[in-house]
PDB file of all heavy atoms in Angstrom:
ATOM      1  N   ARG A   1     -12.217  20.102  -1.986  1.00  0.00           N
ATOM      2  CA  ARG A   1     -12.405  19.322  -0.771  1.00  0.00           C
ATOM      3  C   ARG A   1     -12.054  20.164   0.444  1.00  0.00           C
ATOM      4  O   ARG A   1     -11.348  21.161   0.357  1.00  0.00           O
ATOM      5  CB  ARG A   1     -11.504  18.072  -0.794  1.00  0.00           C
ATOM      6  CG  ARG A   1     -11.954  17.009  -1.787  1.00  0.00           C
ATOM      7  CD  ARG A   1     -11.000  15.849  -1.767  1.00  0.00           C
ATOM      8  NE  ARG A   1     -11.464  14.759  -2.624  1.00  0.00           N
ATOM      9  CZ  ARG A   1     -10.755  13.665  -2.872  1.00  0.00           C
ATOM     10  NH1 ARG A   1      -9.551  13.550  -2.344  1.00  0.00           N
ATOM     11  NH2 ARG A   1     -11.240  12.734  -3.643  1.00  0.00           N
ATOM     12  N   LYS A   2     -12.533  19.717   1.600  1.00  0.00           N
ATOM     13  CA  LYS A   2     -12.176  20.345   2.847  1.00  0.00           C
ATOM     14  C   LYS A   2     -10.695  20.072   3.127  1.00  0.00           C
ATOM     15  O   LYS A   2     -10.140  19.085   2.668  1.00  0.00           O
ATOM     16  CB  LYS A   2     -13.034  19.802   3.976  1.00  0.00           C
ATOM     17  CG  LYS A   2     -14.515  20.145   3.806  1.00  0.00           C
ATOM     18  CD  LYS A   2     -15.341  19.529   4.911  1.00  0.00           C
ATOM     19  CE  LYS A   2     -16.831  19.850   4.711  1.00  0.00           C
ATOM     20  NZ  LYS A   2     -17.660  19.239   5.772  1.00  0.00           N
ATOM     21  N   PRO A   3     -10.041  20.941   3.915  1.00  0.00           N
ATOM     22  CA  PRO A   3      -8.596  20.793   4.165  1.00  0.00           C
ATOM     23  C   PRO A   3      -8.195  19.415   4.669  1.00  0.00           C
ATOM     24  O   PRO A   3      -7.219  18.832   4.206  1.00  0.00           O
ATOM     25  CB  PRO A   3      -8.316  21.885   5.197  1.00  0.00           C
ATOM     26  CG  PRO A   3      -9.358  22.918   4.921  1.00  0.00           C
ATOM     27  CD  PRO A   3     -10.587  22.164   4.524  1.00  0.00           C
ATOM     28  N   HIS A   4      -8.945  18.851   5.646  1.00  0.00           N
ATOM     29  CA  HIS A   4      -8.544  17.557   6.182  1.00  0.00           C
ATOM     30  C   HIS A   4      -8.725  16.448   5.156  1.00  0.00           C
ATOM     31  O   HIS A   4      -8.004  15.459   5.148  1.00  0.00           O
ATOM     32  CB  HIS A   4      -9.334  17.251   7.472  1.00  0.00           C
ATOM     33  CG  HIS A   4     -10.774  16.891   7.225  1.00  0.00           C
ATOM     34  ND1 HIS A   4     -11.748  17.847   7.034  1.00  0.00           N
ATOM     35  CD2 HIS A   4     -11.394  15.679   7.141  1.00  0.00           C
ATOM     36  CE1 HIS A   4     -12.914  17.236   6.857  1.00  0.00           C
ATOM     37  NE2 HIS A   4     -12.717  15.929   6.916  1.00  0.00           N
ATOM     38  N   GLU A   5      -9.717  16.635   4.228  1.00  0.00           N
ATOM     39  CA  GLU A   5      -9.914  15.642   3.169  1.00  0.00           C
ATOM     40  C   GLU A   5      -8.780  15.695   2.154  1.00  0.00           C
ATOM     41  O   GLU A   5      -8.322  14.670   1.648  1.00  0.00           O
ATOM     42  CB  GLU A   5     -11.257  15.884   2.477  1.00  0.00           C
ATOM     43  CG  GLU A   5     -12.470  15.591   3.354  1.00  0.00           C
ATOM     44  CD  GLU A   5     -13.760  15.925   2.650  1.00  0.00           C
ATOM     45  OE1 GLU A   5     -13.721  16.783   1.742  1.00  0.00           O
ATOM     46  OE2 GLU A   5     -14.790  15.323   2.998  1.00  0.00           O
ATOM     47  N   ARG A   6      -8.300  16.929   1.837  1.00  0.00           N
ATOM     48  CA  ARG A   6      -7.187  17.056   0.903  1.00  0.00           C
ATOM     49  C   ARG A   6      -5.922  16.439   1.487  1.00  0.00           C
ATOM     50  O   ARG A   6      -5.156  15.763   0.803  1.00  0.00           O
ATOM     51  CB  ARG A   6      -6.942  18.533   0.561  1.00  0.00           C
ATOM     52  CG  ARG A   6      -8.061  19.143  -0.286  1.00  0.00           C
ATOM     53  CD  ARG A   6      -7.565  20.375  -1.021  1.00  0.00           C
ATOM     54  NE  ARG A   6      -7.128  21.430  -0.108  1.00  0.00           N
ATOM     55  CZ  ARG A   6      -7.933  22.372   0.377  1.00  0.00           C
ATOM     56  NH1 ARG A   6      -9.238  22.371   0.059  1.00  0.00           N
ATOM     57  NH2 ARG A   6      -7.479  23.309   1.192  1.00  0.00           N
ATOM     58  N   ALA A   7      -5.697  16.648   2.768  1.00  0.00           N
ATOM     59  CA  ALA A   7      -4.514  16.086   3.418  1.00  0.00           C
ATOM     60  C   ALA A   7      -4.545  14.560   3.387  1.00  0.00           C
ATOM     61  O   ALA A   7      -3.545  13.898   3.129  1.00  0.00           O
ATOM     62  CB  ALA A   7      -4.423  16.591   4.856  1.00  0.00           C
ATOM     63  N   GLN A   8      -5.746  14.006   3.632  1.00  0.00           N
ATOM     64  CA  GLN A   8      -5.874  12.554   3.613  1.00  0.00           C
ATOM     65  C   GLN A   8      -5.674  11.998   2.208  1.00  0.00           C
ATOM     66  O   GLN A   8      -5.042  10.972   2.010  1.00  0.00           O
ATOM     67  CB  GLN A   8      -7.247  12.146   4.160  1.00  0.00           C
ATOM     68  CG  GLN A   8      -7.397  10.628   4.294  1.00  0.00           C
ATOM     69  CD  GLN A   8      -8.717  10.253   4.932  1.00  0.00           C
ATOM     70  OE1 GLN A   8      -9.620  11.069   5.013  1.00  0.00           O
ATOM     71  NE2 GLN A   8      -8.804   9.016   5.382  1.00  0.00           N
ATOM     72  N   ALA A   9      -6.202  12.738   1.188  1.00  0.00           N
ATOM     73  CA  ALA A   9      -6.073  12.262  -0.198  1.00  0.00           C
ATOM     74  C   ALA A   9      -4.638  12.302  -0.667  1.00  0.00           C
ATOM     75  O   ALA A   9      -4.206  11.492  -1.468  1.00  0.00           O
ATOM     76  CB  ALA A   9      -6.948  13.117  -1.116  1.00  0.00           C
ATOM     77  N   CYS A  10      -3.845  13.277  -0.151  1.00  0.00           N
ATOM     78  CA  CYS A  10      -2.457  13.418  -0.572  1.00  0.00           C
ATOM     79  C   CYS A  10      -1.508  12.557   0.239  1.00  0.00           C
ATOM     80  O   CYS A  10      -0.316  12.513  -0.056  1.00  0.00           O
ATOM     81  CB  CYS A  10      -2.030  14.886  -0.453  1.00  0.00           C
ATOM     82  SG  CYS A  10      -2.895  15.961  -1.629  1.00  0.00           S
ATOM     83  N   ARG A  11      -1.989  11.915   1.281  1.00  0.00           N
ATOM     84  CA  ARG A  11      -1.114  11.106   2.125  1.00  0.00           C
ATOM     85  C   ARG A  11      -0.546   9.936   1.341  1.00  0.00           C
ATOM     86  O   ARG A  11      -1.264   9.214   0.654  1.00  0.00           O
ATOM     87  CB  ARG A  11      -1.918  10.573   3.322  1.00  0.00           C
ATOM     88  CG  ARG A  11      -1.090   9.776   4.329  1.00  0.00           C
ATOM     89  CD  ARG A  11      -1.909   9.477   5.569  1.00  0.00           C
ATOM     90  NE  ARG A  11      -3.063   8.659   5.244  1.00  0.00           N
ATOM     91  CZ  ARG A  11      -3.064   7.323   5.291  1.00  0.00           C
ATOM     92  NH1 ARG A  11      -1.966   6.677   5.641  1.00  0.00           N
ATOM     93  NH2 ARG A  11      -4.146   6.638   4.998  1.00  0.00           N
ATOM     94  N   THR A  12       0.751   9.773   1.432  1.00  0.00           N
ATOM     95  CA  THR A  12       1.421   8.690   0.723  1.00  0.00           C
ATOM     96  C   THR A  12       1.554   7.483   1.637  1.00  0.00           C
ATOM     97  O   THR A  12       2.084   7.597   2.747  1.00  0.00           O
ATOM     98  CB  THR A  12       2.814   9.132   0.253  1.00  0.00           C
ATOM     99  OG1 THR A  12       2.686  10.261  -0.601  1.00  0.00           O
ATOM    100  CG2 THR A  12       3.509   8.008  -0.486  1.00  0.00           C
ATOM    101  N   VAL A  13       1.061   6.363   1.168  1.00  0.00           N
ATOM    102  CA  VAL A  13       1.200   5.120   1.924  1.00  0.00           C
ATOM    103  C   VAL A  13       1.778   4.061   0.998  1.00  0.00           C
ATOM    104  O   VAL A  13       1.633   4.126  -0.216  1.00  0.00           O
ATOM    105  CB  VAL A  13      -0.166   4.634   2.486  1.00  0.00           C
ATOM    106  CG1 VAL A  13      -0.729   5.638   3.464  1.00  0.00           C
ATOM    107  CG2 VAL A  13      -1.150   4.362   1.358  1.00  0.00           C
ATOM    108  N   SER A  14       2.431   3.082   1.596  1.00  0.00           N
ATOM    109  CA  SER A  14       2.972   1.980   0.795  1.00  0.00           C
ATOM    110  C   SER A  14       1.832   1.063   0.367  1.00  0.00           C
ATOM    111  O   SER A  14       0.742   1.064   0.963  1.00  0.00           O
ATOM    112  CB  SER A  14       3.996   1.196   1.612  1.00  0.00           C
ATOM    113  OG  SER A  14       3.347   0.547   2.701  1.00  0.00           O
ATOM    114  N   ALA A  15       2.089   0.291  -0.650  1.00  0.00           N
ATOM    115  CA  ALA A  15       1.071  -0.648  -1.132  1.00  0.00           C
ATOM    116  C   ALA A  15       0.650  -1.645  -0.054  1.00  0.00           C
ATOM    117  O   ALA A  15      -0.545  -1.897   0.121  1.00  0.00           O
ATOM    118  CB  ALA A  15       1.584  -1.369  -2.373  1.00  0.00           C
ATOM    119  N   PRO A  16       1.597  -2.229   0.708  1.00  0.00           N
ATOM    120  CA  PRO A  16       1.157  -3.136   1.784  1.00  0.00           C
ATOM    121  C   PRO A  16       0.274  -2.461   2.823  1.00  0.00           C
ATOM    122  O   PRO A  16      -0.698  -3.040   3.304  1.00  0.00           O
ATOM    123  CB  PRO A  16       2.494  -3.603   2.399  1.00  0.00           C
ATOM    124  CG  PRO A  16       3.468  -3.503   1.282  1.00  0.00           C
ATOM    125  CD  PRO A  16       3.059  -2.277   0.525  1.00  0.00           C
ATOM    126  N   GLU A  17       0.614  -1.183   3.175  1.00  0.00           N
ATOM    127  CA  GLU A  17      -0.221  -0.458   4.128  1.00  0.00           C
ATOM    128  C   GLU A  17      -1.622  -0.244   3.581  1.00  0.00           C
ATOM    129  O   GLU A  17      -2.627  -0.378   4.292  1.00  0.00           O
ATOM    130  CB  GLU A  17       0.416   0.891   4.454  1.00  0.00           C
ATOM    131  CG  GLU A  17       1.657   0.820   5.328  1.00  0.00           C
ATOM    132  CD  GLU A  17       2.268   2.181   5.554  1.00  0.00           C
ATOM    133  OE1 GLU A  17       2.502   2.912   4.561  1.00  0.00           O
ATOM    134  OE2 GLU A  17       2.505   2.534   6.714  1.00  0.00           O
ATOM    135  N   ARG A  18      -1.701   0.121   2.313  1.00  0.00           N
ATOM    136  CA  ARG A  18      -3.008   0.374   1.705  1.00  0.00           C
ATOM    137  C   ARG A  18      -3.834  -0.905   1.632  1.00  0.00           C
ATOM    138  O   ARG A  18      -5.043  -0.894   1.854  1.00  0.00           O
ATOM    139  CB  ARG A  18      -2.810   0.971   0.306  1.00  0.00           C
ATOM    140  CG  ARG A  18      -4.104   1.381  -0.380  1.00  0.00           C
ATOM    141  CD  ARG A  18      -4.876   2.386   0.445  1.00  0.00           C
ATOM    142  NE  ARG A  18      -6.078   2.840  -0.251  1.00  0.00           N
ATOM    143  CZ  ARG A  18      -7.172   3.247   0.358  1.00  0.00           C
ATOM    144  NH1 ARG A  18      -7.212   3.265   1.700  1.00  0.00           N
ATOM    145  NH2 ARG A  18      -8.209   3.650  -0.333  1.00  0.00           N
ATOM    146  N   LEU A  19      -3.181  -2.009   1.315  1.00  0.00           N
ATOM    147  CA  LEU A  19      -3.894  -3.289   1.284  1.00  0.00           C
ATOM    148  C   LEU A  19      -4.428  -3.636   2.666  1.00  0.00           C
ATOM    149  O   LEU A  19      -5.537  -4.155   2.805  1.00  0.00           O
ATOM    150  CB  LEU A  19      -2.950  -4.400   0.786  1.00  0.00           C
ATOM    151  CG  LEU A  19      -2.679  -4.452  -0.712  1.00  0.00           C
ATOM    152  CD1 LEU A  19      -1.604  -5.496  -1.021  1.00  0.00           C
ATOM    153  CD2 LEU A  19      -3.953  -4.788  -1.472  1.00  0.00           C
ATOM    154  N   ASN A  20      -3.629  -3.337   3.678  1.00  0.00           N
ATOM    155  CA  ASN A  20      -4.072  -3.595   5.052  1.00  0.00           C
ATOM    156  C   ASN A  20      -5.286  -2.735   5.389  1.00  0.00           C
ATOM    157  O   ASN A  20      -6.248  -3.191   6.031  1.00  0.00           O
ATOM    158  CB  ASN A  20      -2.923  -3.306   6.024  1.00  0.00           C
ATOM    159  CG  ASN A  20      -3.169  -3.894   7.401  1.00  0.00           C
ATOM    160  OD1 ASN A  20      -4.199  -4.521   7.639  1.00  0.00           O
ATOM    161  ND2 ASN A  20      -2.236  -3.697   8.307  1.00  0.00           N
ATOM    162  N   GLU A  21      -5.266  -1.447   4.965  1.00  0.00           N
ATOM    163  CA  GLU A  21      -6.396  -0.557   5.204  1.00  0.00           C
ATOM    164  C   GLU A  21      -7.660  -1.073   4.521  1.00  0.00           C
ATOM    165  O   GLU A  21      -8.757  -1.016   5.067  1.00  0.00           O
ATOM    166  CB  GLU A  21      -6.070   0.844   4.692  1.00  0.00           C
ATOM    167  CG  GLU A  21      -5.011   1.577   5.502  1.00  0.00           C
ATOM    168  CD  GLU A  21      -4.677   2.931   4.887  1.00  0.00           C
ATOM    169  OE1 GLU A  21      -5.252   3.244   3.822  1.00  0.00           O
ATOM    170  OE2 GLU A  21      -3.840   3.653   5.462  1.00  0.00           O
ATOM    171  N   LEU A  22      -7.507  -1.566   3.299  1.00  0.00           N
ATOM    172  CA  LEU A  22      -8.671  -1.985   2.517  1.00  0.00           C
ATOM    173  C   LEU A  22      -9.209  -3.344   2.934  1.00  0.00           C
ATOM    174  O   LEU A  22     -10.414  -3.596   2.840  1.00  0.00           O
ATOM    175  CB  LEU A  22      -8.306  -2.025   1.026  1.00  0.00           C
ATOM    176  CG  LEU A  22      -7.994  -0.672   0.364  1.00  0.00           C
ATOM    177  CD1 LEU A  22      -7.456  -0.886  -1.043  1.00  0.00           C
ATOM    178  CD2 LEU A  22      -9.246   0.203   0.327  1.00  0.00           C
ATOM    179  N   THR A  23      -8.314  -4.240   3.369  1.00  0.00           N
ATOM    180  CA  THR A  23      -8.747  -5.616   3.619  1.00  0.00           C
ATOM    181  C   THR A  23      -8.656  -6.034   5.077  1.00  0.00           C
ATOM    182  O   THR A  23      -9.274  -7.032   5.470  1.00  0.00           O
ATOM    183  CB  THR A  23      -7.886  -6.601   2.798  1.00  0.00           C
ATOM    184  OG1 THR A  23      -6.524  -6.550   3.277  1.00  0.00           O
ATOM    185  CG2 THR A  23      -7.905  -6.240   1.322  1.00  0.00           C
ATOM    186  N   GLY A  24      -7.852  -5.297   5.864  1.00  0.00           N
ATOM    187  CA  GLY A  24      -7.636  -5.713   7.234  1.00  0.00           C
ATOM    188  C   GLY A  24      -6.688  -6.881   7.358  1.00  0.00           C
ATOM    189  O   GLY A  24      -6.545  -7.479   8.421  1.00  0.00           O
ATOM    190  N   ILE A  25      -6.028  -7.215   6.274  1.00  0.00           N
ATOM    191  CA  ILE A  25      -5.090  -8.340   6.260  1.00  0.00           C
ATOM    192  C   ILE A  25      -3.678  -7.801   6.047  1.00  0.00           C
ATOM    193  O   ILE A  25      -3.420  -7.073   5.086  1.00  0.00           O
ATOM    194  CB  ILE A  25      -5.430  -9.345   5.145  1.00  0.00           C
ATOM    195  CG1 ILE A  25      -6.849  -9.901   5.359  1.00  0.00           C
ATOM    196  CG2 ILE A  25      -4.410 -10.478   5.101  1.00  0.00           C
ATOM    197  CD1 ILE A  25      -7.332 -10.777   4.229  1.00  0.00           C
ATOM    198  N   ALA A  26      -2.780  -8.163   6.924  1.00  0.00           N
ATOM    199  CA  ALA A  26      -1.410  -7.675   6.833  1.00  0.00           C
ATOM    200  C   ALA A  26      -0.667  -8.346   5.684  1.00  0.00           C
ATOM    201  O   ALA A  26      -0.895  -9.526   5.384  1.00  0.00           O
ATOM    202  CB  ALA A  26      -0.679  -7.934   8.147  1.00  0.00           C
ATOM    203  N   THR A  27       0.206  -7.592   5.035  1.00  0.00           N
ATOM    204  CA  THR A  27       1.078  -8.144   3.998  1.00  0.00           C
ATOM    205  C   THR A  27       2.374  -8.600   4.660  1.00  0.00           C
ATOM    206  O   THR A  27       3.056  -7.815   5.325  1.00  0.00           O
ATOM    207  CB  THR A  27       1.401  -7.081   2.926  1.00  0.00           C
ATOM    208  OG1 THR A  27       0.180  -6.682   2.296  1.00  0.00           O
ATOM    209  CG2 THR A  27       2.348  -7.641   1.880  1.00  0.00           C
ATOM    210  N   LEU A  28       2.703  -9.846   4.497  1.00  0.00           N
ATOM    211  CA  LEU A  28       3.873 -10.405   5.166  1.00  0.00           C
ATOM    212  C   LEU A  28       5.150 -10.252   4.354  1.00  0.00           C
ATOM    213  O   LEU A  28       6.248 -10.541   4.847  1.00  0.00           O
ATOM    214  CB  LEU A  28       3.643 -11.884   5.472  1.00  0.00           C
ATOM    215  CG  LEU A  28       2.468 -12.182   6.410  1.00  0.00           C
ATOM    216  CD1 LEU A  28       2.379 -13.674   6.681  1.00  0.00           C
ATOM    217  CD2 LEU A  28       2.610 -11.407   7.710  1.00  0.00           C
ATOM    218  N   GLY A  29       5.045  -9.803   3.120  1.00  0.00           N
ATOM    219  CA  GLY A  29       6.252  -9.612   2.323  1.00  0.00           C
ATOM    220  C   GLY A  29       5.910  -9.348   0.872  1.00  0.00           C
ATOM    221  O   GLY A  29       4.803  -9.636   0.415  1.00  0.00           O
ATOM    222  N   VAL A  30       6.854  -8.779   0.167  1.00  0.00           N
ATOM    223  CA  VAL A  30       6.720  -8.521  -1.269  1.00  0.00           C
ATOM    224  C   VAL A  30       7.969  -9.067  -1.948  1.00  0.00           C
ATOM    225  O   VAL A  30       9.086  -8.607  -1.680  1.00  0.00           O
ATOM    226  CB  VAL A  30       6.582  -7.015  -1.572  1.00  0.00           C
ATOM    227  CG1 VAL A  30       6.490  -6.795  -3.084  1.00  0.00           C
ATOM    228  CG2 VAL A  30       5.363  -6.440  -0.871  1.00  0.00           C
ATOM    229  N   LEU A  31       7.781 -10.057  -2.792  1.00  0.00           N
ATOM    230  CA  LEU A  31       8.915 -10.651  -3.488  1.00  0.00           C
ATOM    231  C   LEU A  31       9.340  -9.770  -4.660  1.00  0.00           C
ATOM    232  O   LEU A  31       8.488  -9.263  -5.401  1.00  0.00           O
ATOM    233  CB  LEU A  31       8.557 -12.038  -4.016  1.00  0.00           C
ATOM    234  CG  LEU A  31       8.491 -13.166  -2.993  1.00  0.00           C
ATOM    235  CD1 LEU A  31       7.999 -14.448  -3.649  1.00  0.00           C
ATOM    236  CD2 LEU A  31       9.862 -13.406  -2.371  1.00  0.00           C
ATOM    237  N   PRO A  32      10.642  -9.604  -4.876  1.00  0.00           N
ATOM    238  CA  PRO A  32      11.108  -8.846  -6.042  1.00  0.00           C
ATOM    239  C   PRO A  32      10.912  -9.669  -7.321  1.00  0.00           C
ATOM    240  O   PRO A  32      10.713 -10.881  -7.259  1.00  0.00           O
ATOM    241  CB  PRO A  32      12.593  -8.641  -5.745  1.00  0.00           C
ATOM    242  CG  PRO A  32      12.964  -9.828  -4.910  1.00  0.00           C
ATOM    243  CD  PRO A  32      11.755 -10.107  -4.059  1.00  0.00           C
ATOM    244  N   TRP A  33      10.974  -8.975  -8.446  1.00  0.00           N
ATOM    245  CA  TRP A  33      10.923  -9.685  -9.733  1.00  0.00           C
ATOM    246  C   TRP A  33      12.249 -10.414  -9.933  1.00  0.00           C
ATOM    247  O   TRP A  33      13.315  -9.825  -9.825  1.00  0.00           O
ATOM    248  CB  TRP A  33      10.693  -8.705 -10.876  1.00  0.00           C
ATOM    249  CG  TRP A  33      10.659  -9.388 -12.208  1.00  0.00           C
ATOM    250  CD1 TRP A  33      11.686  -9.534 -13.087  1.00  0.00           C
ATOM    251  CD2 TRP A  33       9.543 -10.054 -12.795  1.00  0.00           C
ATOM    252  NE1 TRP A  33      11.285 -10.243 -14.195  1.00  0.00           N
ATOM    253  CE2 TRP A  33       9.973 -10.574 -14.042  1.00  0.00           C
ATOM    254  CE3 TRP A  33       8.228 -10.262 -12.391  1.00  0.00           C
ATOM    255  CZ2 TRP A  33       9.127 -11.286 -14.884  1.00  0.00           C
ATOM    256  CZ3 TRP A  33       7.381 -10.975 -13.239  1.00  0.00           C
ATOM    257  CH2 TRP A  33       7.837 -11.472 -14.466  1.00  0.00           C
ATOM    258  N   LEU A  34      12.192 -11.719 -10.194  1.00  0.00           N
ATOM    259  CA  LEU A  34      13.403 -12.522 -10.307  1.00  0.00           C
ATOM    260  C   LEU A  34      13.504 -13.166 -11.687  1.00  0.00           C
ATOM    261  O   LEU A  34      12.518 -13.720 -12.195  1.00  0.00           O
ATOM    262  CB  LEU A  34      13.402 -13.634  -9.256  1.00  0.00           C
ATOM    263  CG  LEU A  34      13.422 -13.217  -7.783  1.00  0.00           C
ATOM    264  CD1 LEU A  34      13.256 -14.441  -6.908  1.00  0.00           C
ATOM    265  CD2 LEU A  34      14.710 -12.498  -7.456  1.00  0.00           C
ATOM    266  N   ALA A  35      14.669 -13.089 -12.279  1.00  0.00           N
ATOM    267  CA  ALA A  35      14.963 -13.873 -13.488  1.00  0.00           C
ATOM    268  C   ALA A  35      15.427 -15.240 -12.995  1.00  0.00           C
ATOM    269  O   ALA A  35      16.612 -15.572 -12.992  1.00  0.00           O
ATOM    270  CB  ALA A  35      16.034 -13.190 -14.320  1.00  0.00           C
ATOM    271  N   HIS A  36      14.468 -16.056 -12.559  1.00  0.00           N
ATOM    272  CA  HIS A  36      14.791 -17.255 -11.790  1.00  0.00           C
ATOM    273  C   HIS A  36      15.296 -18.422 -12.626  1.00  0.00           C
ATOM    274  O   HIS A  36      16.030 -19.269 -12.140  1.00  0.00           O
ATOM    275  CB  HIS A  36      13.579 -17.692 -10.972  1.00  0.00           C
ATOM    276  CG  HIS A  36      12.321 -17.802 -11.769  1.00  0.00           C
ATOM    277  ND1 HIS A  36      12.117 -18.777 -12.717  1.00  0.00           N
ATOM    278  CD2 HIS A  36      11.194 -17.032 -11.770  1.00  0.00           C
ATOM    279  CE1 HIS A  36      10.928 -18.638 -13.251  1.00  0.00           C
ATOM    280  NE2 HIS A  36      10.336 -17.574 -12.707  1.00  0.00           N
ATOM    281  N   GLY A  37      14.893 -18.516 -13.882  1.00  0.00           N
ATOM    282  CA  GLY A  37      15.352 -19.621 -14.710  1.00  0.00           C
ATOM    283  C   GLY A  37      14.660 -20.940 -14.448  1.00  0.00           C
ATOM    284  O   GLY A  37      15.104 -21.994 -14.924  1.00  0.00           O
ATOM    285  N   LEU A  38      13.550 -20.922 -13.709  1.00  0.00           N
ATOM    286  CA  LEU A  38      12.799 -22.160 -13.469  1.00  0.00           C
ATOM    287  C   LEU A  38      11.981 -22.532 -14.706  1.00  0.00           C
ATOM    288  O   LEU A  38      11.600 -21.669 -15.492  1.00  0.00           O
ATOM    289  CB  LEU A  38      11.874 -21.993 -12.266  1.00  0.00           C
ATOM    290  CG  LEU A  38      12.554 -21.832 -10.907  1.00  0.00           C
ATOM    291  CD1 LEU A  38      11.524 -21.540  -9.840  1.00  0.00           C
ATOM    292  CD2 LEU A  38      13.351 -23.081 -10.552  1.00  0.00           C
TER     293      LEU A  38
END
């Protein structure tokens, strides 16, 4: 790939950021895994 393409491919983004890029919808939060007992 061209240098700028390699840099873009290696860029690390969080999952919420990537979802925003793909969908245009902001992620308002990520709940942790809970042993809730419900």
